[in-house]
Amino acid sequence: MADGFEMQEDGTLLEVNLSRNKLETHSVYCIVDEATRSIFLWKGRLSGVRKKFIGAHVANRMRNEHGTTFRVHSVDEGDETSGFFNALERCNDNTP
């Protein structure tokens, strides 16, 4: 199971259903993947510095909330790994 969140300019999070084609180049997303004990911070190519900063802060906070066995992985648009895409697939598995 994995949960996806989009960073907002005001520092809040919006829970979202994510898939490859829903990733927006102006956005920053955080995916918490329980299966691999990973937190992926995806940064769109055209996302602003503020959103990236908020995303880094949120990812570290989520790691503290979930426990130190979780690892944060920073992912730039265009440099996605198979682990990231697998977590993205698990986000889709959350939908009924």
PDB file of N, CA and C in Angstrom:
ATOM      1  N   MET A   1       0.841  -1.175   0.000  1.00  0.00           N
ATOM      2  CA  MET A   1       0.000   0.000   0.000  1.00  0.00           C
ATOM      3  C   MET A   1       0.891   1.244   0.000  1.00  0.00           C
ATOM      4  N   ALA A   2       0.492   2.253  -0.765  1.00  0.00           N
ATOM      5  CA  ALA A   2       1.238   3.503  -0.826  1.00  0.00           C
ATOM      6  C   ALA A   2       0.250   4.659  -0.884  1.00  0.00           C
ATOM      7  N   ASP A   3       0.640   5.782  -0.290  1.00  0.00           N
ATOM      8  CA  ASP A   3      -0.191   6.979  -0.279  1.00  0.00           C
ATOM      9  C   ASP A   3       0.546   8.098  -0.994  1.00  0.00           C
ATOM     10  N   GLY A   4      -0.195   8.913  -1.757  1.00  0.00           N
ATOM     11  CA  GLY A   4       0.400  10.015  -2.482  1.00  0.00           C
ATOM     12  C   GLY A   4      -0.110  11.356  -1.994  1.00  0.00           C
ATOM     13  N   PHE A   5       0.794  12.332  -1.922  1.00  0.00           N
ATOM     14  CA  PHE A   5       0.454  13.669  -1.461  1.00  0.00           C
ATOM     15  C   PHE A   5       1.093  14.701  -2.384  1.00  0.00           C
ATOM     16  N   GLU A   6       0.356  15.776  -2.651  1.00  0.00           N
ATOM     17  CA  GLU A   6       0.886  16.882  -3.450  1.00  0.00           C
ATOM     18  C   GLU A   6       1.174  18.053  -2.528  1.00  0.00           C
ATOM     19  N   MET A   7       2.360  18.664  -2.685  1.00  0.00           N
ATOM     20  CA  MET A   7       2.732  19.823  -1.890  1.00  0.00           C
ATOM     21  C   MET A   7       1.993  21.052  -2.418  1.00  0.00           C
ATOM     22  N   GLN A   8       1.467  21.858  -1.494  1.00  0.00           N
ATOM     23  CA  GLN A   8       0.800  23.102  -1.852  1.00  0.00           C
ATOM     24  C   GLN A   8       1.714  24.279  -1.498  1.00  0.00           C
ATOM     25  N   GLU A   9       1.508  25.414  -2.151  1.00  0.00           N
ATOM     26  CA  GLU A   9       2.340  26.602  -1.926  1.00  0.00           C
ATOM     27  C   GLU A   9       2.313  27.068  -0.475  1.00  0.00           C
ATOM     28  N   ASP A  10       1.170  26.848   0.208  1.00  0.00           N
ATOM     29  CA  ASP A  10       1.036  27.322   1.590  1.00  0.00           C
ATOM     30  C   ASP A  10       1.607  26.336   2.611  1.00  0.00           C
ATOM     31  N   GLY A  11       2.220  25.258   2.144  1.00  0.00           N
ATOM     32  CA  GLY A  11       2.839  24.297   3.038  1.00  0.00           C
ATOM     33  C   GLY A  11       1.950  23.141   3.436  1.00  0.00           C
ATOM     34  N   THR A  12       0.713  23.135   2.963  1.00  0.00           N
ATOM     35  CA  THR A  12      -0.192  22.039   3.283  1.00  0.00           C
ATOM     36  C   THR A  12      -0.033  20.915   2.263  1.00  0.00           C
ATOM     37  N   LEU A  13      -0.631  19.768   2.596  1.00  0.00           N
ATOM     38  CA  LEU A  13      -0.592  18.598   1.721  1.00  0.00           C
ATOM     39  C   LEU A  13      -1.984  18.300   1.218  1.00  0.00           C
ATOM     40  N   LEU A  14      -2.063  17.836  -0.002  1.00  0.00           N
ATOM     41  CA  LEU A  14      -3.317  17.397  -0.594  1.00  0.00           C
ATOM     42  C   LEU A  14      -3.144  15.933  -0.966  1.00  0.00           C
ATOM     43  N   GLU A  15      -3.941  15.049  -0.349  1.00  0.00           N
ATOM     44  CA  GLU A  15      -3.850  13.630  -0.697  1.00  0.00           C
ATOM     45  C   GLU A  15      -4.415  13.443  -2.097  1.00  0.00           C
ATOM     46  N   VAL A  16      -3.680  12.748  -2.944  1.00  0.00           N
ATOM     47  CA  VAL A  16      -4.070  12.587  -4.344  1.00  0.00           C
ATOM     48  C   VAL A  16      -3.890  11.140  -4.791  1.00  0.00           C
ATOM     49  N   ASN A  17      -4.660  10.747  -5.802  1.00  0.00           N
ATOM     50  CA  ASN A  17      -4.455   9.470  -6.487  1.00  0.00           C
ATOM     51  C   ASN A  17      -3.444   9.732  -7.587  1.00  0.00           C
ATOM     52  N   LEU A  18      -2.334   9.042  -7.552  1.00  0.00           N
ATOM     53  CA  LEU A  18      -1.264   9.297  -8.511  1.00  0.00           C
ATOM     54  C   LEU A  18      -1.104   8.164  -9.504  1.00  0.00           C
ATOM     55  N   SER A  19      -0.669   8.531 -10.687  1.00  0.00           N
ATOM     56  CA  SER A  19      -0.249   7.588 -11.714  1.00  0.00           C
ATOM     57  C   SER A  19       0.781   8.321 -12.573  1.00  0.00           C
ATOM     58  N   ARG A  20       1.440   7.601 -13.440  1.00  0.00           N
ATOM     59  CA  ARG A  20       2.470   8.225 -14.292  1.00  0.00           C
ATOM     60  C   ARG A  20       1.947   9.426 -15.053  1.00  0.00           C
ATOM     61  N   ASN A  21       0.758   9.281 -15.624  1.00  0.00           N
ATOM     62  CA  ASN A  21       0.237  10.364 -16.462  1.00  0.00           C
ATOM     63  C   ASN A  21      -0.362  11.508 -15.651  1.00  0.00           C
ATOM     64  N   LYS A  22      -0.434  11.368 -14.326  1.00  0.00           N
ATOM     65  CA  LYS A  22      -0.955  12.451 -13.484  1.00  0.00           C
ATOM     66  C   LYS A  22       0.154  13.291 -12.852  1.00  0.00           C
ATOM     67  N   LEU A  23       1.404  12.902 -13.038  1.00  0.00           N
ATOM     68  CA  LEU A  23       2.512  13.682 -12.492  1.00  0.00           C
ATOM     69  C   LEU A  23       2.654  14.968 -13.299  1.00  0.00           C
ATOM     70  N   GLU A  24       2.558  16.108 -12.623  1.00  0.00           N
ATOM     71  CA  GLU A  24       2.616  17.412 -13.291  1.00  0.00           C
ATOM     72  C   GLU A  24       3.984  18.040 -13.089  1.00  0.00           C
ATOM     73  N   THR A  25       4.551  18.566 -14.153  1.00  0.00           N
ATOM     74  CA  THR A  25       5.906  19.100 -14.129  1.00  0.00           C
ATOM     75  C   THR A  25       6.064  20.304 -13.200  1.00  0.00           C
ATOM     76  N   HIS A  26       4.967  20.999 -12.857  1.00  0.00           N
ATOM     77  CA  HIS A  26       5.023  22.145 -11.947  1.00  0.00           C
ATOM     78  C   HIS A  26       4.832  21.739 -10.487  1.00  0.00           C
ATOM     79  N   SER A  27       4.689  20.443 -10.215  1.00  0.00           N
ATOM     80  CA  SER A  27       4.323  19.982  -8.874  1.00  0.00           C
ATOM     81  C   SER A  27       5.428  19.190  -8.194  1.00  0.00           C
ATOM     82  N   VAL A  28       5.237  19.015  -6.890  1.00  0.00           N
ATOM     83  CA  VAL A  28       6.100  18.173  -6.063  1.00  0.00           C
ATOM     84  C   VAL A  28       5.182  17.216  -5.313  1.00  0.00           C
ATOM     85  N   TYR A  29       5.533  15.927  -5.329  1.00  0.00           N
ATOM     86  CA  TYR A  29       4.706  14.903  -4.691  1.00  0.00           C
ATOM     87  C   TYR A  29       5.541  14.093  -3.710  1.00  0.00           C
ATOM     88  N   CYS A  30       4.859  13.575  -2.708  1.00  0.00           N
ATOM     89  CA  CYS A  30       5.468  12.679  -1.735  1.00  0.00           C
ATOM     90  C   CYS A  30       4.671  11.382  -1.757  1.00  0.00           C
ATOM     91  N   ILE A  31       5.359  10.265  -1.930  1.00  0.00           N
ATOM     92  CA  ILE A  31       4.708   8.955  -1.928  1.00  0.00           C
ATOM     93  C   ILE A  31       5.280   8.157  -0.764  1.00  0.00           C
ATOM     94  N   VAL A  32       4.397   7.738   0.128  1.00  0.00           N
ATOM     95  CA  VAL A  32       4.793   6.909   1.263  1.00  0.00           C
ATOM     96  C   VAL A  32       4.461   5.469   0.896  1.00  0.00           C
ATOM     97  N   ASP A  33       5.486   4.650   0.749  1.00  0.00           N
ATOM     98  CA  ASP A  33       5.322   3.258   0.335  1.00  0.00           C
ATOM     99  C   ASP A  33       5.634   2.331   1.505  1.00  0.00           C
ATOM    100  N   GLU A  34       4.575   1.823   2.119  1.00  0.00           N
ATOM    101  CA  GLU A  34       4.723   0.930   3.276  1.00  0.00           C
ATOM    102  C   GLU A  34       5.455  -0.361   2.889  1.00  0.00           C
ATOM    103  N   ALA A  35       5.210  -0.856   1.682  1.00  0.00           N
ATOM    104  CA  ALA A  35       5.773  -2.144   1.254  1.00  0.00           C
ATOM    105  C   ALA A  35       7.300  -2.143   1.269  1.00  0.00           C
ATOM    106  N   THR A  36       7.891  -1.035   0.844  1.00  0.00           N
ATOM    107  CA  THR A  36       9.355  -0.965   0.791  1.00  0.00           C
ATOM    108  C   THR A  36       9.936  -0.063   1.875  1.00  0.00           C
ATOM    109  N   ARG A  37       9.066   0.454   2.735  1.00  0.00           N
ATOM    110  CA  ARG A  37       9.465   1.368   3.807  1.00  0.00           C
ATOM    111  C   ARG A  37      10.243   2.544   3.217  1.00  0.00           C
ATOM    112  N   SER A  38       9.649   3.114   2.158  1.00  0.00           N
ATOM    113  CA  SER A  38      10.282   4.216   1.437  1.00  0.00           C
ATOM    114  C   SER A  38       9.350   5.410   1.351  1.00  0.00           C
ATOM    115  N   ILE A  39       9.955   6.582   1.328  1.00  0.00           N
ATOM    116  CA  ILE A  39       9.233   7.823   1.068  1.00  0.00           C
ATOM    117  C   ILE A  39       9.916   8.450  -0.138  1.00  0.00           C
ATOM    118  N   PHE A  40       9.171   8.568  -1.229  1.00  0.00           N
ATOM    119  CA  PHE A  40       9.708   9.146  -2.456  1.00  0.00           C
ATOM    120  C   PHE A  40       9.265  10.597  -2.563  1.00  0.00           C
ATOM    121  N   LEU A  41      10.213  11.488  -2.774  1.00  0.00           N
ATOM    122  CA  LEU A  41       9.928  12.899  -3.003  1.00  0.00           C
ATOM    123  C   LEU A  41      10.190  13.170  -4.480  1.00  0.00           C
ATOM    124  N   TRP A  42       9.101  13.292  -5.266  1.00  0.00           N
ATOM    125  CA  TRP A  42       9.216  13.526  -6.704  1.00  0.00           C
ATOM    126  C   TRP A  42       9.112  15.019  -6.969  1.00  0.00           C
ATOM    127  N   LYS A  43      10.106  15.562  -7.677  1.00  0.00           N
ATOM    128  CA  LYS A  43      10.149  16.994  -7.960  1.00  0.00           C
ATOM    129  C   LYS A  43      10.047  17.225  -9.462  1.00  0.00           C
ATOM    130  N   GLY A  44       8.972  17.894  -9.853  1.00  0.00           N
ATOM    131  CA  GLY A  44       8.775  18.215 -11.256  1.00  0.00           C
ATOM    132  C   GLY A  44       9.817  19.195 -11.761  1.00  0.00           C
ATOM    133  N   ARG A  45      10.140  19.081 -13.020  1.00  0.00           N
ATOM    134  CA  ARG A  45      11.179  19.898 -13.646  1.00  0.00           C
ATOM    135  C   ARG A  45      10.922  21.398 -13.483  1.00  0.00           C
ATOM    136  N   LEU A  46       9.657  21.814 -13.537  1.00  0.00           N
ATOM    137  CA  LEU A  46       9.321  23.234 -13.462  1.00  0.00           C
ATOM    138  C   LEU A  46       8.720  23.632 -12.117  1.00  0.00           C
ATOM    139  N   SER A  47       8.894  22.785 -11.109  1.00  0.00           N
ATOM    140  CA  SER A  47       8.366  23.123  -9.781  1.00  0.00           C
ATOM    141  C   SER A  47       9.249  24.186  -9.135  1.00  0.00           C
ATOM    142  N   GLY A  48       8.630  25.014  -8.320  1.00  0.00           N
ATOM    143  CA  GLY A  48       9.342  26.117  -7.693  1.00  0.00           C
ATOM    144  C   GLY A  48      10.199  25.685  -6.512  1.00  0.00           C
ATOM    145  N   VAL A  49      11.133  26.553  -6.167  1.00  0.00           N
ATOM    146  CA  VAL A  49      12.036  26.290  -5.051  1.00  0.00           C
ATOM    147  C   VAL A  49      11.247  26.120  -3.760  1.00  0.00           C
ATOM    148  N   ARG A  50      10.211  26.927  -3.556  1.00  0.00           N
ATOM    149  CA  ARG A  50       9.411  26.844  -2.331  1.00  0.00           C
ATOM    150  C   ARG A  50       8.766  25.464  -2.192  1.00  0.00           C
ATOM    151  N   LYS A  51       8.156  24.967  -3.267  1.00  0.00           N
ATOM    152  CA  LYS A  51       7.522  23.646  -3.208  1.00  0.00           C
ATOM    153  C   LYS A  51       8.556  22.556  -2.934  1.00  0.00           C
ATOM    154  N   LYS A  52       9.724  22.667  -3.527  1.00  0.00           N
ATOM    155  CA  LYS A  52      10.779  21.675  -3.294  1.00  0.00           C
ATOM    156  C   LYS A  52      11.231  21.702  -1.835  1.00  0.00           C
ATOM    157  N   PHE A  53      11.355  22.900  -1.280  1.00  0.00           N
ATOM    158  CA  PHE A  53      11.743  23.039   0.121  1.00  0.00           C
ATOM    159  C   PHE A  53      10.675  22.441   1.028  1.00  0.00           C
ATOM    160  N   ILE A  54       9.413  22.772   0.761  1.00  0.00           N
ATOM    161  CA  ILE A  54       8.300  22.221   1.538  1.00  0.00           C
ATOM    162  C   ILE A  54       8.311  20.701   1.434  1.00  0.00           C
ATOM    163  N   GLY A  55       8.513  20.183   0.227  1.00  0.00           N
ATOM    164  CA  GLY A  55       8.541  18.740   0.018  1.00  0.00           C
ATOM    165  C   GLY A  55       9.628  18.054   0.825  1.00  0.00           C
ATOM    166  N   ALA A  56      10.812  18.636   0.856  1.00  0.00           N
ATOM    167  CA  ALA A  56      11.914  18.049   1.625  1.00  0.00           C
ATOM    168  C   ALA A  56      11.580  18.038   3.112  1.00  0.00           C
ATOM    169  N   HIS A  57      10.994  19.128   3.592  1.00  0.00           N
ATOM    170  CA  HIS A  57      10.605  19.214   5.003  1.00  0.00           C
ATOM    171  C   HIS A  57       9.533  18.175   5.331  1.00  0.00           C
ATOM    172  N   VAL A  58       8.530  18.071   4.466  1.00  0.00           N
ATOM    173  CA  VAL A  58       7.436  17.115   4.680  1.00  0.00           C
ATOM    174  C   VAL A  58       7.952  15.676   4.640  1.00  0.00           C
ATOM    175  N   ALA A  59       8.817  15.357   3.689  1.00  0.00           N
ATOM    176  CA  ALA A  59       9.352  13.995   3.580  1.00  0.00           C
ATOM    177  C   ALA A  59      10.099  13.598   4.854  1.00  0.00           C
ATOM    178  N   ASN A  60      10.887  14.513   5.395  1.00  0.00           N
ATOM    179  CA  ASN A  60      11.607  14.220   6.640  1.00  0.00           C
ATOM    180  C   ASN A  60      10.649  14.076   7.815  1.00  0.00           C
ATOM    181  N   ARG A  61       9.608  14.909   7.844  1.00  0.00           N
ATOM    182  CA  ARG A  61       8.609  14.796   8.912  1.00  0.00           C
ATOM    183  C   ARG A  61       7.888  13.451   8.829  1.00  0.00           C
ATOM    184  N   MET A  62       7.535  13.037   7.606  1.00  0.00           N
ATOM    185  CA  MET A  62       6.868  11.742   7.420  1.00  0.00           C
ATOM    186  C   MET A  62       7.778  10.601   7.853  1.00  0.00           C
ATOM    187  N   ARG A  63       9.040  10.720   7.568  1.00  0.00           N
ATOM    188  CA  ARG A  63      10.000   9.692   7.990  1.00  0.00           C
ATOM    189  C   ARG A  63      10.019   9.588   9.506  1.00  0.00           C
ATOM    190  N   ASN A  64      10.024  10.716  10.178  1.00  0.00           N
ATOM    191  CA  ASN A  64      10.004  10.702  11.644  1.00  0.00           C
ATOM    192  C   ASN A  64       8.716  10.084  12.175  1.00  0.00           C
ATOM    193  N   GLU A  65       7.592  10.347  11.505  1.00  0.00           N
ATOM    194  CA  GLU A  65       6.303   9.802  11.932  1.00  0.00           C
ATOM    195  C   GLU A  65       6.223   8.293  11.703  1.00  0.00           C
ATOM    196  N   HIS A  66       6.806   7.813  10.608  1.00  0.00           N
ATOM    197  CA  HIS A  66       6.721   6.391  10.268  1.00  0.00           C
ATOM    198  C   HIS A  66       7.836   5.561  10.902  1.00  0.00           C
ATOM    199  N   GLY A  67       8.896   6.207  11.304  1.00  0.00           N
ATOM    200  CA  GLY A  67       9.998   5.490  11.940  1.00  0.00           C
ATOM    201  C   GLY A  67      11.270   5.573  11.123  1.00  0.00           C
ATOM    202  N   THR A  68      12.364   5.397  11.807  1.00  0.00           N
ATOM    203  CA  THR A  68      13.667   5.584  11.166  1.00  0.00           C
ATOM    204  C   THR A  68      14.032   4.461  10.204  1.00  0.00           C
ATOM    205  N   THR A  69      13.213   3.409  10.140  1.00  0.00           N
ATOM    206  CA  THR A  69      13.485   2.359   9.151  1.00  0.00           C
ATOM    207  C   THR A  69      13.036   2.780   7.756  1.00  0.00           C
ATOM    208  N   PHE A  70      12.252   3.863   7.656  1.00  0.00           N
ATOM    209  CA  PHE A  70      11.857   4.398   6.352  1.00  0.00           C
ATOM    210  C   PHE A  70      12.996   5.242   5.800  1.00  0.00           C
ATOM    211  N   ARG A  71      13.210   5.155   4.478  1.00  0.00           N
ATOM    212  CA  ARG A  71      14.239   5.960   3.811  1.00  0.00           C
ATOM    213  C   ARG A  71      13.577   6.950   2.874  1.00  0.00           C
ATOM    214  N   VAL A  72      14.128   8.149   2.811  1.00  0.00           N
ATOM    215  CA  VAL A  72      13.638   9.175   1.891  1.00  0.00           C
ATOM    216  C   VAL A  72      14.481   9.110   0.619  1.00  0.00           C
ATOM    217  N   HIS A  73      13.789   9.054  -0.532  1.00  0.00           N
ATOM    218  CA  HIS A  73      14.451   9.031  -1.837  1.00  0.00           C
ATOM    219  C   HIS A  73      13.996  10.260  -2.617  1.00  0.00           C
ATOM    220  N   SER A  74      14.924  11.108  -2.986  1.00  0.00           N
ATOM    221  CA  SER A  74      14.621  12.285  -3.786  1.00  0.00           C
ATOM    222  C   SER A  74      14.688  11.902  -5.266  1.00  0.00           C
ATOM    223  N   VAL A  75      13.617  12.220  -6.006  1.00  0.00           N
ATOM    224  CA  VAL A  75      13.519  11.812  -7.413  1.00  0.00           C
ATOM    225  C   VAL A  75      13.208  13.041  -8.265  1.00  0.00           C
ATOM    226  N   ASP A  76      14.090  13.354  -9.195  1.00  0.00           N
ATOM    227  CA  ASP A  76      13.847  14.449 -10.134  1.00  0.00           C
ATOM    228  C   ASP A  76      13.093  13.927 -11.345  1.00  0.00           C
ATOM    229  N   GLU A  77      12.210  14.767 -11.880  1.00  0.00           N
ATOM    230  CA  GLU A  77      11.475  14.392 -13.090  1.00  0.00           C
ATOM    231  C   GLU A  77      12.467  14.010 -14.187  1.00  0.00           C
ATOM    232  N   GLY A  78      12.243  12.860 -14.790  1.00  0.00           N
ATOM    233  CA  GLY A  78      13.128  12.359 -15.834  1.00  0.00           C
ATOM    234  C   GLY A  78      14.160  11.367 -15.320  1.00  0.00           C
ATOM    235  N   ASP A  79      14.356  11.320 -13.990  1.00  0.00           N
ATOM    236  CA  ASP A  79      15.325  10.401 -13.383  1.00  0.00           C
ATOM    237  C   ASP A  79      14.640   9.361 -12.497  1.00  0.00           C
ATOM    238  N   GLU A  80      13.395   9.014 -12.811  1.00  0.00           N
ATOM    239  CA  GLU A  80      12.632   8.071 -11.999  1.00  0.00           C
ATOM    240  C   GLU A  80      13.241   6.673 -12.079  1.00  0.00           C
ATOM    241  N   THR A  81      13.186   5.968 -10.964  1.00  0.00           N
ATOM    242  CA  THR A  81      13.696   4.598 -10.885  1.00  0.00           C
ATOM    243  C   THR A  81      12.537   3.609 -10.959  1.00  0.00           C
ATOM    244  N   SER A  82      12.856   2.347 -11.144  1.00  0.00           N
ATOM    245  CA  SER A  82      11.808   1.322 -11.140  1.00  0.00           C
ATOM    246  C   SER A  82      11.146   1.249  -9.767  1.00  0.00           C
ATOM    247  N   GLY A  83      11.905   1.477  -8.694  1.00  0.00           N
ATOM    248  CA  GLY A  83      11.333   1.488  -7.348  1.00  0.00           C
ATOM    249  C   GLY A  83      10.282   2.566  -7.189  1.00  0.00           C
ATOM    250  N   PHE A  84      10.541   3.736  -7.773  1.00  0.00           N
ATOM    251  CA  PHE A  84       9.565   4.826  -7.728  1.00  0.00           C
ATOM    252  C   PHE A  84       8.300   4.438  -8.485  1.00  0.00           C
ATOM    253  N   PHE A  85       8.463   3.902  -9.700  1.00  0.00           N
ATOM    254  CA  PHE A  85       7.288   3.534 -10.494  1.00  0.00           C
ATOM    255  C   PHE A  85       6.501   2.400  -9.847  1.00  0.00           C
ATOM    256  N   ASN A  86       7.178   1.484  -9.166  1.00  0.00           N
ATOM    257  CA  ASN A  86       6.475   0.422  -8.441  1.00  0.00           C
ATOM    258  C   ASN A  86       5.645   1.007  -7.302  1.00  0.00           C
ATOM    259  N   ALA A  87       6.195   1.983  -6.588  1.00  0.00           N
ATOM    260  CA  ALA A  87       5.440   2.646  -5.516  1.00  0.00           C
ATOM    261  C   ALA A  87       4.240   3.382  -6.093  1.00  0.00           C
ATOM    262  N   LEU A  88       4.422   3.987  -7.248  1.00  0.00           N
ATOM    263  CA  LEU A  88       3.331   4.691  -7.922  1.00  0.00           C
ATOM    264  C   LEU A  88       2.207   3.721  -8.274  1.00  0.00           C
ATOM    265  N   GLU A  89       2.574   2.530  -8.717  1.00  0.00           N
ATOM    266  CA  GLU A  89       1.570   1.489  -9.014  1.00  0.00           C
ATOM    267  C   GLU A  89       0.800   1.111  -7.752  1.00  0.00           C
ATOM    268  N   ARG A  90       1.501   1.023  -6.626  1.00  0.00           N
ATOM    269  CA  ARG A  90       0.832   0.676  -5.374  1.00  0.00           C
ATOM    270  C   ARG A  90      -0.121   1.779  -4.931  1.00  0.00           C
ATOM    271  N   CYS A  91       0.155   3.035  -5.315  1.00  0.00           N
ATOM    272  CA  CYS A  91      -0.796   4.127  -5.038  1.00  0.00           C
ATOM    273  C   CYS A  91      -2.117   3.831  -5.734  1.00  0.00           C
ATOM    274  N   ASN A  92      -2.044   3.324  -6.951  1.00  0.00           N
ATOM    275  CA  ASN A  92      -3.252   2.999  -7.706  1.00  0.00           C
ATOM    276  C   ASN A  92      -3.986   1.824  -7.094  1.00  0.00           C
ATOM    277  N   ASP A  93      -3.266   0.922  -6.428  1.00  0.00           N
ATOM    278  CA  ASP A  93      -3.898  -0.226  -5.780  1.00  0.00           C
ATOM    279  C   ASP A  93      -4.770   0.189  -4.611  1.00  0.00           C
ATOM    280  N   ASN A  94      -4.582   1.417  -4.091  1.00  0.00           N
ATOM    281  CA  ASN A  94      -5.383   1.905  -2.967  1.00  0.00           C
ATOM    282  C   ASN A  94      -6.795   2.265  -3.381  1.00  0.00           C
ATOM    283  N   THR A  95      -7.009   2.513  -4.660  1.00  0.00           N
ATOM    284  CA  THR A  95      -8.331   2.947  -5.106  1.00  0.00           C
ATOM    285  C   THR A  95      -9.254   1.751  -5.217  1.00  0.00           C
ATOM    286  N   PRO A  96     -10.544   1.930  -4.863  1.00  0.00           N
ATOM    287  CA  PRO A  96     -11.488   0.797  -4.922  1.00  0.00           C
ATOM    288  C   PRO A  96     -11.740   0.304  -6.319  1.00  0.00           C
TER     289      PRO A  96
END
